[in-house]
Amino acid sequence: MHLKDKFSKHKNILLGLECLLPQNAVRKQLIDIEKAIKFYKDDLQDTNRSILEAEWRLWKMSCRTPEHQTQSTKVITVCEVLKIIDKDSFLNDFGCNSSDDSFC
């Protein structure tokens, strides 16, 4: 396998993860992270479509609410949002839960 092939097959997965960044999430739809969801499905507690859609809406709202902005500067990292939101609102914990903050 060539090096290019090895990395190019993961390109769409990485692009999906980039959609989780707050400045990108507010403009994206759940379909934009579909390949990442499929790739990480074994790591998610629930892959039910309605659960994922609800969590995506909550994530987008969390990324654009005024509480997450300081001096007109939007939060720009996933970890900054994860430190602010109520993690218990999400069934899937995005790798970070209330007892283990090692992700951030």
Protein backbone atom coordinates (compact mmCIF):
# COMPACT_ATOMS: atom_id res chain seq x y z
CA MET A 1 0.00 0.00 0.00
CA HIS A 2 1.31 3.40 -0.92
CA LEU A 3 1.56 6.12 1.68
CA LYS A 4 -0.88 8.28 -0.29
CA ASP A 5 -3.50 5.51 -0.30
CA LYS A 6 -3.05 4.91 3.41
CA PHE A 7 -3.88 8.51 4.31
CA SER A 8 -6.37 9.37 1.57
CA LYS A 9 -8.88 6.74 2.74
CA HIS A 10 -9.10 8.54 6.09
CA LYS A 11 -9.48 12.00 4.58
CA ASN A 12 -13.30 12.01 4.73
CA ILE A 13 -13.27 10.73 8.30
CA LEU A 14 -10.98 13.58 9.33
CA LEU A 15 -13.11 16.09 7.45
CA GLY A 16 -16.09 14.81 9.42
CA LEU A 17 -14.24 15.32 12.68
CA GLU A 18 -13.33 18.83 11.60
CA CYS A 19 -17.06 19.53 11.49
CA LEU A 20 -17.15 19.08 15.28
CA LEU A 21 -15.07 22.21 15.76
CA PRO A 22 -17.41 24.91 17.03
CA GLN A 23 -16.72 27.38 14.23
CA ASN A 24 -17.56 24.67 11.67
CA ALA A 25 -20.39 22.86 13.47
CA VAL A 26 -22.75 25.82 13.32
CA ARG A 27 -22.68 25.67 9.51
CA LYS A 28 -22.71 21.89 9.04
CA GLN A 29 -25.32 19.14 9.03
CA LEU A 30 -25.24 15.64 10.49
CA ILE A 31 -24.64 14.22 7.01
CA ASP A 32 -21.26 15.97 7.01
CA ILE A 33 -20.01 13.67 9.77
CA GLU A 34 -21.59 10.43 8.50
CA LYS A 35 -18.28 8.78 7.54
CA ALA A 36 -16.81 9.61 10.94
CA ILE A 37 -19.92 8.19 12.65
CA LYS A 38 -19.61 4.96 10.67
CA PHE A 39 -15.89 4.71 11.41
CA TYR A 40 -16.33 5.30 15.17
CA LYS A 41 -19.67 3.46 15.56
CA ASP A 42 -18.16 0.90 17.94
CA ASP A 43 -17.04 3.72 20.24
CA LEU A 44 -20.49 5.34 20.41
CA GLN A 45 -22.96 4.25 23.07
CA ASP A 46 -25.88 4.70 20.69
CA THR A 47 -25.98 5.00 16.91
CA ASN A 48 -29.74 5.37 16.63
CA ARG A 49 -30.37 8.02 13.98
CA SER A 50 -32.79 10.06 16.11
CA ILE A 51 -30.34 10.07 19.05
CA LEU A 52 -27.50 11.21 16.79
CA GLU A 53 -29.66 13.94 15.26
CA ALA A 54 -30.70 15.19 18.71
CA GLU A 55 -27.11 15.20 19.93
CA TRP A 56 -25.97 17.02 16.79
CA ARG A 57 -28.61 19.73 17.35
CA LEU A 58 -27.53 20.06 21.01
CA TRP A 59 -23.87 20.27 19.96
CA LYS A 60 -24.62 22.97 17.38
CA MET A 61 -26.63 24.97 19.93
CA SER A 62 -23.79 24.62 22.45
CA CYS A 63 -21.33 25.95 19.89
CA ARG A 64 -23.28 29.11 19.15
CA THR A 65 -24.88 30.23 22.39
CA PRO A 66 -23.72 33.50 23.97
CA GLU A 67 -22.59 31.70 27.15
CA HIS A 68 -19.82 30.16 25.06
CA GLN A 69 -18.53 33.47 23.80
CA THR A 70 -16.20 35.80 25.62
CA GLN A 71 -15.60 39.36 24.53
CA SER A 72 -17.19 38.65 21.13
CA THR A 73 -14.79 35.79 20.48
CA LYS A 74 -16.44 32.46 19.78
CA VAL A 75 -15.15 29.30 21.38
CA ILE A 76 -12.87 27.65 18.87
CA THR A 77 -11.95 24.26 20.32
CA VAL A 78 -13.99 21.18 21.08
CA CYS A 79 -12.44 20.99 24.56
CA GLU A 80 -13.60 24.53 25.38
CA VAL A 81 -17.19 23.57 24.54
CA LEU A 82 -16.90 20.28 26.44
CA LYS A 83 -15.79 22.17 29.56
CA ILE A 84 -18.88 24.39 29.40
CA ILE A 85 -21.74 22.11 28.34
CA ASP A 86 -23.76 19.77 30.50
CA LYS A 87 -22.20 16.46 29.43
CA ASP A 88 -25.10 14.54 30.97
CA SER A 89 -27.31 15.91 28.16
CA PHE A 90 -25.46 13.71 25.67
CA LEU A 91 -25.82 9.93 25.55
CA ASN A 92 -22.65 9.65 23.47
CA ASP A 93 -19.86 11.30 25.40
CA PHE A 94 -17.53 12.25 22.53
CA GLY A 95 -14.62 10.72 24.43
CA CYS A 96 -15.03 12.88 27.49
CA ASN A 97 -17.28 12.25 30.46
CA SER A 98 -17.76 13.80 33.85
CA SER A 99 -15.51 11.29 35.63
CA ASP A 100 -12.69 11.33 33.08
CA ASP A 101 -11.50 14.64 31.68
CA SER A 102 -8.34 13.16 30.17
CA PHE A 103 -9.61 13.88 26.66
CA CYS A 104 -9.41 17.60 27.33
